[in-house]
Amino acid sequence: MKNLPSREQALQFLYQSGCLRNVVRHCEAVSEFAVEIAKACKNNGVQVDLELVEIGALLHDIGRAKTHSVHHAIVGTEIAESLGLPQPLISIIKRHVGGGITTKEAKKLGWPTDNYIPQTIEEKIVSYADKLIEGSKRVSIEKTVENFSKKLPPSAIARIRRLHKEMLALMGDCRCPQ
């Protein structure tokens, strides 16, 4: 994809926006894992933009520069728009939270009316990789579900499980290590 920032520029955006080092380390870990997942998908015949996945994963939590609540997705979207980043990158930032957020859930959160469920393969890969990285360490889907079950409704847990099944199918026999 054209007009994507480089890895160095993306890291610079995170720091300039005010992200702490632990947030940047998390973003780097998600990016590394997301690229592995994307390569496994690609090896299984799935069309995926590796560069968009890498940079999208690096920037997915840019909103954590201002808040660590669920609203970091909206704040991150605003930061990305102010930086003039391409729309596919903005969509990754907007749609990476949980297994996605429905329009109804977004309304309850006071968010603008929109679709916050990952749509493209790149959005799904980043959202999925993010769910399997705790801090900067990889965790199992079981651990993720256990952790998220304490704070999210069953419908959100079901979306995370569906995303997991979809990713396993897209990776096929080329599954990357967890």
N, C-alpha and C. Protein backbone atom coordinates (compact mmCIF):
# COMPACT_ATOMS: atom_id res chain seq x y z
N MET A 1 0.84 -1.18 0.00
CA MET A 1 0.00 0.00 0.00
C MET A 1 0.88 1.24 0.00
N LYS A 2 0.49 2.20 -0.81
CA LYS A 2 1.24 3.46 -0.89
C LYS A 2 0.92 4.35 0.33
N ASN A 3 1.83 5.28 0.59
CA ASN A 3 1.66 6.28 1.65
C ASN A 3 1.67 5.74 3.07
N LEU A 4 2.12 4.51 3.24
CA LEU A 4 2.24 3.99 4.60
C LEU A 4 3.53 4.55 5.20
N PRO A 5 3.49 4.91 6.47
CA PRO A 5 4.74 5.33 7.10
C PRO A 5 5.68 4.13 7.21
N SER A 6 6.96 4.39 7.30
CA SER A 6 7.93 3.32 7.52
C SER A 6 7.82 2.85 8.97
N ARG A 7 8.47 1.76 9.26
CA ARG A 7 8.50 1.25 10.64
C ARG A 7 9.07 2.32 11.58
N GLU A 8 10.14 2.97 11.16
CA GLU A 8 10.78 4.02 11.98
C GLU A 8 9.83 5.19 12.19
N GLN A 9 9.13 5.59 11.13
CA GLN A 9 8.17 6.69 11.27
C GLN A 9 7.03 6.31 12.21
N ALA A 10 6.55 5.07 12.10
CA ALA A 10 5.47 4.61 12.97
C ALA A 10 5.90 4.66 14.44
N LEU A 11 7.11 4.19 14.72
CA LEU A 11 7.62 4.24 16.09
C LEU A 11 7.74 5.69 16.57
N GLN A 12 8.18 6.55 15.68
CA GLN A 12 8.30 7.97 16.00
C GLN A 12 6.92 8.56 16.33
N PHE A 13 5.89 8.18 15.55
CA PHE A 13 4.52 8.65 15.82
C PHE A 13 4.07 8.22 17.22
N LEU A 14 4.39 6.98 17.60
CA LEU A 14 3.99 6.49 18.93
C LEU A 14 4.61 7.35 20.03
N TYR A 15 5.93 7.57 19.93
CA TYR A 15 6.61 8.36 20.95
C TYR A 15 6.16 9.82 20.94
N GLN A 16 6.03 10.42 19.74
CA GLN A 16 5.61 11.82 19.64
C GLN A 16 4.20 12.03 20.18
N SER A 17 3.36 11.01 20.06
CA SER A 17 1.99 11.11 20.56
C SER A 17 1.93 10.97 22.07
N GLY A 18 3.01 10.44 22.66
CA GLY A 18 3.07 10.33 24.11
C GLY A 18 2.97 8.92 24.65
N CYS A 19 3.11 7.91 23.80
CA CYS A 19 3.06 6.52 24.27
C CYS A 19 4.28 6.21 25.13
N LEU A 20 4.03 5.50 26.21
CA LEU A 20 5.11 5.08 27.10
C LEU A 20 5.85 3.89 26.48
N ARG A 21 7.05 3.64 26.98
CA ARG A 21 7.89 2.57 26.43
C ARG A 21 7.20 1.20 26.48
N ASN A 22 6.46 0.91 27.56
CA ASN A 22 5.80 -0.40 27.65
C ASN A 22 4.71 -0.55 26.58
N VAL A 23 4.05 0.54 26.22
CA VAL A 23 3.04 0.50 25.16
C VAL A 23 3.74 0.25 23.82
N VAL A 24 4.86 0.91 23.60
CA VAL A 24 5.61 0.71 22.35
C VAL A 24 6.12 -0.73 22.27
N ARG A 25 6.61 -1.27 23.38
CA ARG A 25 7.06 -2.68 23.38
C ARG A 25 5.90 -3.61 23.04
N HIS A 26 4.73 -3.33 23.59
CA HIS A 26 3.53 -4.13 23.28
C HIS A 26 3.24 -4.04 21.78
N CYS A 27 3.25 -2.85 21.23
CA CYS A 27 2.97 -2.65 19.80
C CYS A 27 3.99 -3.38 18.93
N GLU A 28 5.25 -3.36 19.33
CA GLU A 28 6.29 -4.08 18.58
C GLU A 28 6.03 -5.59 18.62
N ALA A 29 5.64 -6.11 19.80
CA ALA A 29 5.37 -7.55 19.93
C ALA A 29 4.16 -7.95 19.10
N VAL A 30 3.11 -7.11 19.12
CA VAL A 30 1.91 -7.39 18.32
C VAL A 30 2.27 -7.36 16.84
N SER A 31 3.08 -6.40 16.44
CA SER A 31 3.48 -6.28 15.04
C SER A 31 4.26 -7.51 14.58
N GLU A 32 5.21 -7.94 15.39
CA GLU A 32 6.02 -9.12 15.04
C GLU A 32 5.12 -10.35 14.88
N PHE A 33 4.20 -10.56 15.82
CA PHE A 33 3.31 -11.72 15.79
C PHE A 33 2.32 -11.61 14.62
N ALA A 34 1.79 -10.41 14.41
CA ALA A 34 0.83 -10.20 13.31
C ALA A 34 1.47 -10.51 11.96
N VAL A 35 2.73 -10.12 11.78
CA VAL A 35 3.42 -10.42 10.52
C VAL A 35 3.60 -11.93 10.36
N GLU A 36 3.91 -12.64 11.44
CA GLU A 36 4.01 -14.10 11.36
C GLU A 36 2.68 -14.71 10.93
N ILE A 37 1.60 -14.23 11.52
CA ILE A 37 0.26 -14.72 11.18
C ILE A 37 -0.05 -14.41 9.71
N ALA A 38 0.26 -13.17 9.30
CA ALA A 38 0.00 -12.75 7.91
C ALA A 38 0.78 -13.61 6.92
N LYS A 39 2.04 -13.92 7.26
CA LYS A 39 2.86 -14.76 6.38
C LYS A 39 2.27 -16.17 6.30
N ALA A 40 1.78 -16.69 7.44
CA ALA A 40 1.16 -18.02 7.44
C ALA A 40 -0.09 -18.01 6.55
N CYS A 41 -0.87 -16.95 6.64
CA CYS A 41 -2.06 -16.82 5.79
C CYS A 41 -1.66 -16.76 4.31
N LYS A 42 -0.64 -15.95 4.03
CA LYS A 42 -0.16 -15.80 2.66
C LYS A 42 0.34 -17.13 2.10
N ASN A 43 1.07 -17.88 2.94
CA ASN A 43 1.56 -19.20 2.53
C ASN A 43 0.42 -20.19 2.28
N ASN A 44 -0.74 -19.88 2.83
CA ASN A 44 -1.92 -20.71 2.65
C ASN A 44 -2.80 -20.18 1.50
N GLY A 45 -2.25 -19.21 0.73
CA GLY A 45 -2.96 -18.71 -0.44
C GLY A 45 -3.87 -17.52 -0.21
N VAL A 46 -3.83 -16.94 1.00
CA VAL A 46 -4.67 -15.79 1.32
C VAL A 46 -3.95 -14.51 0.89
N GLN A 47 -4.68 -13.63 0.20
CA GLN A 47 -4.11 -12.33 -0.18
C GLN A 47 -4.07 -11.43 1.05
N VAL A 48 -2.89 -10.97 1.42
CA VAL A 48 -2.76 -10.11 2.58
C VAL A 48 -1.59 -9.14 2.37
N ASP A 49 -1.79 -7.90 2.77
CA ASP A 49 -0.77 -6.86 2.64
C ASP A 49 0.10 -6.89 3.90
N LEU A 50 1.28 -7.50 3.79
CA LEU A 50 2.18 -7.66 4.94
C LEU A 50 2.61 -6.33 5.53
N GLU A 51 2.89 -5.36 4.68
CA GLU A 51 3.34 -4.05 5.16
C GLU A 51 2.23 -3.36 5.95
N LEU A 52 1.00 -3.42 5.45
CA LEU A 52 -0.14 -2.82 6.15
C LEU A 52 -0.32 -3.49 7.51
N VAL A 53 -0.17 -4.81 7.57
CA VAL A 53 -0.28 -5.53 8.84
C VAL A 53 0.81 -5.07 9.80
N GLU A 54 2.04 -4.99 9.32
CA GLU A 54 3.16 -4.60 10.18
C GLU A 54 2.95 -3.20 10.77
N ILE A 55 2.66 -2.24 9.90
CA ILE A 55 2.53 -0.84 10.35
C ILE A 55 1.23 -0.65 11.15
N GLY A 56 0.16 -1.31 10.71
CA GLY A 56 -1.11 -1.22 11.44
C GLY A 56 -0.97 -1.77 12.85
N ALA A 57 -0.24 -2.88 12.99
CA ALA A 57 -0.03 -3.46 14.32
C ALA A 57 0.86 -2.55 15.17
N LEU A 58 1.85 -1.94 14.55
CA LEU A 58 2.70 -1.01 15.31
C LEU A 58 1.89 0.16 15.86
N LEU A 59 0.93 0.64 15.07
CA LEU A 59 0.18 1.84 15.46
C LEU A 59 -1.16 1.55 16.12
N HIS A 60 -1.54 0.28 16.27
CA HIS A 60 -2.90 -0.04 16.74
C HIS A 60 -3.24 0.60 18.09
N ASP A 61 -2.26 0.76 18.98
CA ASP A 61 -2.51 1.32 20.30
C ASP A 61 -2.03 2.75 20.47
N ILE A 62 -1.92 3.49 19.39
CA ILE A 62 -1.44 4.88 19.49
C ILE A 62 -2.34 5.71 20.40
N GLY A 63 -3.61 5.35 20.50
CA GLY A 63 -4.53 6.07 21.38
C GLY A 63 -4.20 5.91 22.85
N ARG A 64 -3.40 4.91 23.19
CA ARG A 64 -2.99 4.73 24.59
C ARG A 64 -2.04 5.84 25.05
N ALA A 65 -1.63 6.71 24.13
CA ALA A 65 -0.86 7.89 24.50
C ALA A 65 -1.71 8.80 25.38
N LYS A 66 -3.06 8.73 25.22
CA LYS A 66 -3.97 9.63 25.94
C LYS A 66 -4.88 8.91 26.93
N THR A 67 -5.21 7.63 26.69
CA THR A 67 -6.09 6.88 27.59
C THR A 67 -5.81 5.38 27.49
N HIS A 68 -5.99 4.70 28.61
CA HIS A 68 -5.83 3.24 28.60
C HIS A 68 -7.18 2.54 28.67
N SER A 69 -8.25 3.31 28.56
CA SER A 69 -9.59 2.71 28.53
C SER A 69 -9.88 2.18 27.13
N VAL A 70 -11.04 1.56 26.97
CA VAL A 70 -11.47 1.05 25.66
C VAL A 70 -11.52 2.19 24.63
N HIS A 71 -11.67 3.41 25.12
CA HIS A 71 -11.77 4.56 24.23
C HIS A 71 -10.47 4.85 23.47
N HIS A 72 -9.39 4.12 23.80
CA HIS A 72 -8.12 4.35 23.08
C HIS A 72 -8.28 4.10 21.58
N ALA A 73 -9.26 3.27 21.20
CA ALA A 73 -9.48 3.02 19.76
C ALA A 73 -9.98 4.29 19.07
N ILE A 74 -10.89 5.01 19.72
CA ILE A 74 -11.43 6.25 19.15
C ILE A 74 -10.36 7.35 19.18
N VAL A 75 -9.67 7.46 20.30
CA VAL A 75 -8.60 8.47 20.42
C VAL A 75 -7.51 8.18 19.40
N GLY A 76 -7.15 6.91 19.24
CA GLY A 76 -6.14 6.52 18.25
C GLY A 76 -6.57 6.85 16.84
N THR A 77 -7.85 6.64 16.55
CA THR A 77 -8.39 6.99 15.23
C THR A 77 -8.22 8.49 14.98
N GLU A 78 -8.53 9.29 15.98
CA GLU A 78 -8.39 10.76 15.85
C GLU A 78 -6.93 11.16 15.64
N ILE A 79 -6.02 10.54 16.39
CA ILE A 79 -4.59 10.84 16.23
C ILE A 79 -4.14 10.46 14.82
N ALA A 80 -4.53 9.26 14.37
CA ALA A 80 -4.13 8.78 13.03
C ALA A 80 -4.67 9.71 11.94
N GLU A 81 -5.91 10.16 12.10
CA GLU A 81 -6.48 11.10 11.12
C GLU A 81 -5.70 12.41 11.13
N SER A 82 -5.33 12.91 12.32
CA SER A 82 -4.59 14.17 12.41
C SER A 82 -3.20 14.05 11.78
N LEU A 83 -2.66 12.82 11.75
CA LEU A 83 -1.35 12.59 11.13
C LEU A 83 -1.47 12.38 9.62
N GLY A 84 -2.72 12.33 9.12
CA GLY A 84 -2.95 12.14 7.69
C GLY A 84 -2.63 10.73 7.22
N LEU A 85 -2.77 9.75 8.10
CA LEU A 85 -2.48 8.36 7.74
C LEU A 85 -3.55 7.81 6.80
N PRO A 86 -3.20 6.83 5.97
CA PRO A 86 -4.15 6.27 5.01
C PRO A 86 -5.32 5.55 5.73
N GLN A 87 -6.48 5.58 5.10
CA GLN A 87 -7.70 5.02 5.68
C GLN A 87 -7.57 3.55 6.12
N PRO A 88 -6.94 2.67 5.34
CA PRO A 88 -6.83 1.28 5.81
C PRO A 88 -6.09 1.15 7.14
N LEU A 89 -5.13 2.03 7.38
CA LEU A 89 -4.39 2.05 8.64
C LEU A 89 -5.29 2.57 9.77
N ILE A 90 -6.03 3.61 9.49
CA ILE A 90 -6.97 4.17 10.47
C ILE A 90 -8.01 3.12 10.86
N SER A 91 -8.49 2.36 9.89
CA SER A 91 -9.49 1.33 10.17
C SER A 91 -8.94 0.23 11.08
N ILE A 92 -7.68 -0.12 10.93
CA ILE A 92 -7.07 -1.11 11.82
C ILE A 92 -7.10 -0.59 13.25
N ILE A 93 -6.71 0.66 13.44
CA ILE A 93 -6.69 1.27 14.77
C ILE A 93 -8.11 1.31 15.35
N LYS A 94 -9.06 1.69 14.53
CA LYS A 94 -10.45 1.84 14.97
C LYS A 94 -11.10 0.51 15.33
N ARG A 95 -10.72 -0.57 14.66
CA ARG A 95 -11.44 -1.84 14.79
C ARG A 95 -10.69 -2.94 15.53
N HIS A 96 -9.60 -2.62 16.22
CA HIS A 96 -8.80 -3.69 16.81
C HIS A 96 -9.25 -4.12 18.21
N VAL A 97 -10.12 -3.36 18.87
CA VAL A 97 -10.46 -3.60 20.27
C VAL A 97 -11.32 -4.85 20.45
N GLY A 98 -10.95 -5.67 21.44
CA GLY A 98 -11.70 -6.90 21.73
C GLY A 98 -11.74 -7.77 20.48
N GLY A 99 -12.86 -8.36 20.23
CA GLY A 99 -13.08 -9.08 18.98
C GLY A 99 -13.85 -8.19 18.04
N GLY A 100 -13.82 -6.89 18.33
CA GLY A 100 -14.62 -5.92 17.60
C GLY A 100 -15.74 -5.43 18.50
N ILE A 101 -16.27 -4.28 18.18
CA ILE A 101 -17.36 -3.68 18.96
C ILE A 101 -18.52 -3.40 18.02
N THR A 102 -19.69 -3.89 18.38
CA THR A 102 -20.87 -3.70 17.53
C THR A 102 -21.33 -2.24 17.57
N THR A 103 -22.16 -1.88 16.62
CA THR A 103 -22.71 -0.52 16.58
C THR A 103 -23.49 -0.23 17.86
N LYS A 104 -24.24 -1.22 18.33
CA LYS A 104 -25.03 -1.07 19.57
C LYS A 104 -24.12 -0.84 20.77
N GLU A 105 -23.04 -1.63 20.87
CA GLU A 105 -22.08 -1.46 21.97
C GLU A 105 -21.39 -0.10 21.87
N ALA A 106 -21.06 0.30 20.65
CA ALA A 106 -20.40 1.59 20.43
C ALA A 106 -21.31 2.73 20.90
N LYS A 107 -22.58 2.60 20.62
CA LYS A 107 -23.55 3.64 21.03
C LYS A 107 -23.56 3.77 22.56
N LYS A 108 -23.55 2.61 23.26
CA LYS A 108 -23.51 2.62 24.73
C LYS A 108 -22.25 3.29 25.26
N LEU A 109 -21.15 3.15 24.51
CA LEU A 109 -19.88 3.75 24.91
C LEU A 109 -19.81 5.25 24.57
N GLY A 110 -20.83 5.71 23.82
CA GLY A 110 -20.83 7.12 23.41
C GLY A 110 -19.97 7.39 22.20
N TRP A 111 -19.64 6.33 21.45
CA TRP A 111 -18.80 6.47 20.26
C TRP A 111 -19.63 6.91 19.07
N PRO A 112 -18.98 7.50 18.06
CA PRO A 112 -19.70 7.82 16.82
C PRO A 112 -20.30 6.55 16.20
N THR A 113 -21.46 6.68 15.58
CA THR A 113 -22.10 5.54 14.94
C THR A 113 -21.21 5.06 13.80
N ASP A 114 -20.77 3.81 13.90
CA ASP A 114 -19.88 3.24 12.90
C ASP A 114 -19.76 1.74 13.18
N ASN A 115 -19.07 1.04 12.29
CA ASN A 115 -18.81 -0.37 12.46
C ASN A 115 -17.40 -0.54 13.03
N TYR A 116 -17.30 -1.13 14.21
CA TYR A 116 -16.01 -1.30 14.88
C TYR A 116 -15.60 -2.77 14.93
N ILE A 117 -16.19 -3.59 14.06
CA ILE A 117 -15.83 -5.01 13.95
C ILE A 117 -14.79 -5.12 12.83
N PRO A 118 -13.66 -5.81 13.05
CA PRO A 118 -12.67 -5.96 11.97
C PRO A 118 -13.31 -6.55 10.71
N GLN A 119 -13.04 -5.92 9.56
CA GLN A 119 -13.64 -6.33 8.29
C GLN A 119 -12.62 -6.97 7.36
N THR A 120 -11.50 -6.31 7.16
CA THR A 120 -10.51 -6.81 6.20
C THR A 120 -9.61 -7.86 6.87
N ILE A 121 -8.92 -8.61 6.06
CA ILE A 121 -8.00 -9.61 6.59
C ILE A 121 -6.93 -8.95 7.46
N GLU A 122 -6.45 -7.79 7.02
CA GLU A 122 -5.41 -7.09 7.78
C GLU A 122 -5.95 -6.63 9.15
N GLU A 123 -7.18 -6.11 9.18
CA GLU A 123 -7.80 -5.69 10.45
C GLU A 123 -7.96 -6.89 11.37
N LYS A 124 -8.39 -8.01 10.82
CA LYS A 124 -8.61 -9.22 11.63
C LYS A 124 -7.30 -9.74 12.19
N ILE A 125 -6.26 -9.75 11.38
CA ILE A 125 -4.96 -10.25 11.84
C ILE A 125 -4.43 -9.40 12.99
N VAL A 126 -4.50 -8.09 12.86
CA VAL A 126 -3.98 -7.21 13.92
C VAL A 126 -4.81 -7.38 15.20
N SER A 127 -6.12 -7.40 15.06
CA SER A 127 -6.99 -7.58 16.23
C SER A 127 -6.67 -8.91 16.92
N TYR A 128 -6.52 -9.96 16.13
CA TYR A 128 -6.24 -11.29 16.67
C TYR A 128 -4.88 -11.33 17.36
N ALA A 129 -3.85 -10.83 16.70
CA ALA A 129 -2.51 -10.82 17.29
C ALA A 129 -2.52 -10.04 18.61
N ASP A 130 -3.24 -8.93 18.64
CA ASP A 130 -3.33 -8.11 19.84
C ASP A 130 -3.95 -8.90 21.01
N LYS A 131 -4.92 -9.75 20.70
CA LYS A 131 -5.57 -10.54 21.75
C LYS A 131 -4.63 -11.58 22.33
N LEU A 132 -3.62 -11.99 21.57
CA LEU A 132 -2.71 -13.04 22.02
C LEU A 132 -1.37 -12.51 22.53
N ILE A 133 -1.30 -11.20 22.73
CA ILE A 133 -0.11 -10.59 23.32
C ILE A 133 -0.55 -9.85 24.58
N GLU A 134 0.03 -10.27 25.70
CA GLU A 134 -0.26 -9.62 26.98
C GLU A 134 1.02 -8.92 27.40
N GLY A 135 0.99 -7.60 27.46
CA GLY A 135 2.24 -6.85 27.65
C GLY A 135 3.02 -7.02 26.37
N SER A 136 4.17 -7.71 26.46
CA SER A 136 4.91 -8.02 25.22
C SER A 136 5.15 -9.52 25.09
N LYS A 137 4.36 -10.32 25.83
CA LYS A 137 4.49 -11.78 25.79
C LYS A 137 3.28 -12.42 25.11
N ARG A 138 3.54 -13.51 24.38
CA ARG A 138 2.46 -14.26 23.74
C ARG A 138 1.74 -15.11 24.78
N VAL A 139 0.42 -15.16 24.63
CA VAL A 139 -0.40 -16.00 25.51
C VAL A 139 -1.32 -16.86 24.66
N SER A 140 -1.87 -17.90 25.26
CA SER A 140 -2.77 -18.80 24.54
C SER A 140 -4.15 -18.17 24.40
N ILE A 141 -4.93 -18.69 23.48
CA ILE A 141 -6.31 -18.22 23.32
C ILE A 141 -7.10 -18.51 24.60
N GLU A 142 -6.79 -19.61 25.28
CA GLU A 142 -7.48 -19.95 26.53
C GLU A 142 -7.24 -18.87 27.59
N LYS A 143 -5.98 -18.43 27.71
CA LYS A 143 -5.63 -17.38 28.68
C LYS A 143 -6.33 -16.08 28.30
N THR A 144 -6.37 -15.76 27.02
CA THR A 144 -7.03 -14.55 26.54
C THR A 144 -8.51 -14.59 26.91
N VAL A 145 -9.17 -15.69 26.61
CA VAL A 145 -10.60 -15.82 26.90
C VAL A 145 -10.83 -15.71 28.41
N GLU A 146 -9.97 -16.36 29.19
CA GLU A 146 -10.10 -16.29 30.66
C GLU A 146 -9.99 -14.84 31.14
N ASN A 147 -9.00 -14.11 30.65
CA ASN A 147 -8.79 -12.72 31.06
C ASN A 147 -9.94 -11.81 30.62
N PHE A 148 -10.35 -11.93 29.35
CA PHE A 148 -11.39 -11.07 28.83
C PHE A 148 -12.76 -11.41 29.42
N SER A 149 -12.96 -12.67 29.84
CA SER A 149 -14.25 -13.08 30.42
C SER A 149 -14.55 -12.32 31.71
N LYS A 150 -13.51 -11.83 32.37
CA LYS A 150 -13.69 -11.08 33.62
C LYS A 150 -14.24 -9.68 33.38
N LYS A 151 -14.06 -9.16 32.14
CA LYS A 151 -14.47 -7.77 31.90
C LYS A 151 -15.38 -7.56 30.70
N LEU A 152 -15.59 -8.59 29.88
CA LEU A 152 -16.42 -8.42 28.68
C LEU A 152 -17.64 -9.34 28.73
N PRO A 153 -18.72 -8.93 28.06
CA PRO A 153 -19.92 -9.78 28.02
C PRO A 153 -19.69 -11.02 27.15
N PRO A 154 -20.51 -12.07 27.35
CA PRO A 154 -20.37 -13.30 26.58
C PRO A 154 -20.39 -13.07 25.06
N SER A 155 -21.13 -12.10 24.59
CA SER A 155 -21.18 -11.83 23.14
C SER A 155 -19.80 -11.42 22.61
N ALA A 156 -19.07 -10.64 23.40
CA ALA A 156 -17.72 -10.22 22.99
C ALA A 156 -16.75 -11.40 23.02
N ILE A 157 -16.89 -12.27 24.01
CA ILE A 157 -16.05 -13.46 24.10
C ILE A 157 -16.31 -14.36 22.89
N ALA A 158 -17.58 -14.47 22.50
CA ALA A 158 -17.94 -15.28 21.33
C ALA A 158 -17.28 -14.71 20.07
N ARG A 159 -17.20 -13.39 19.94
CA ARG A 159 -16.54 -12.77 18.77
C ARG A 159 -15.05 -13.10 18.77
N ILE A 160 -14.42 -13.08 19.94
CA ILE A 160 -12.99 -13.42 20.03
C ILE A 160 -12.79 -14.88 19.62
N ARG A 161 -13.65 -15.77 20.08
CA ARG A 161 -13.55 -17.20 19.71
C ARG A 161 -13.76 -17.39 18.20
N ARG A 162 -14.73 -16.66 17.62
CA ARG A 162 -14.96 -16.75 16.16
C ARG A 162 -13.75 -16.26 15.39
N LEU A 163 -13.16 -15.16 15.86
CA LEU A 163 -11.96 -14.62 15.21
C LEU A 163 -10.83 -15.65 15.27
N HIS A 164 -10.68 -16.30 16.41
CA HIS A 164 -9.66 -17.34 16.57
C HIS A 164 -9.88 -18.47 15.55
N LYS A 165 -11.10 -18.96 15.45
CA LYS A 165 -11.41 -20.04 14.49
C LYS A 165 -11.16 -19.59 13.06
N GLU A 166 -11.55 -18.37 12.74
CA GLU A 166 -11.33 -17.85 11.38
C GLU A 166 -9.84 -17.76 11.07
N MET A 167 -9.05 -17.27 12.02
CA MET A 167 -7.60 -17.14 11.80
C MET A 167 -6.96 -18.51 11.61
N LEU A 168 -7.36 -19.49 12.43
CA LEU A 168 -6.80 -20.84 12.28
C LEU A 168 -7.11 -21.38 10.89
N ALA A 169 -8.32 -21.16 10.42
CA ALA A 169 -8.71 -21.63 9.08
C ALA A 169 -7.90 -20.91 8.01
N LEU A 170 -7.69 -19.61 8.16
CA LEU A 170 -6.95 -18.85 7.14
C LEU A 170 -5.47 -19.23 7.12
N MET A 171 -4.92 -19.59 8.28
CA MET A 171 -3.51 -20.01 8.34
C MET A 171 -3.35 -21.44 7.83
N GLY A 172 -4.38 -22.26 7.94
CA GLY A 172 -4.32 -23.64 7.47
C GLY A 172 -3.19 -24.40 8.13
N ASP A 173 -2.49 -25.18 7.34
CA ASP A 173 -1.38 -25.99 7.87
C ASP A 173 -0.14 -25.14 8.13
N CYS A 174 -0.20 -23.87 7.75
CA CYS A 174 0.96 -22.98 7.92
C CYS A 174 0.89 -22.23 9.25
N ARG A 175 0.21 -22.80 10.23
CA ARG A 175 0.01 -22.12 11.50
C ARG A 175 1.34 -21.65 12.08
N CYS A 176 1.31 -20.42 12.55
CA CYS A 176 2.53 -19.89 13.17
C CYS A 176 2.55 -20.29 14.63
N PRO A 177 3.71 -20.28 15.25
CA PRO A 177 3.82 -20.68 16.65
C PRO A 177 3.08 -19.72 17.57
N GLN A 178 2.53 -20.25 18.65
CA GLN A 178 1.85 -19.39 19.64
C GLN A 178 2.64 -19.34 20.91
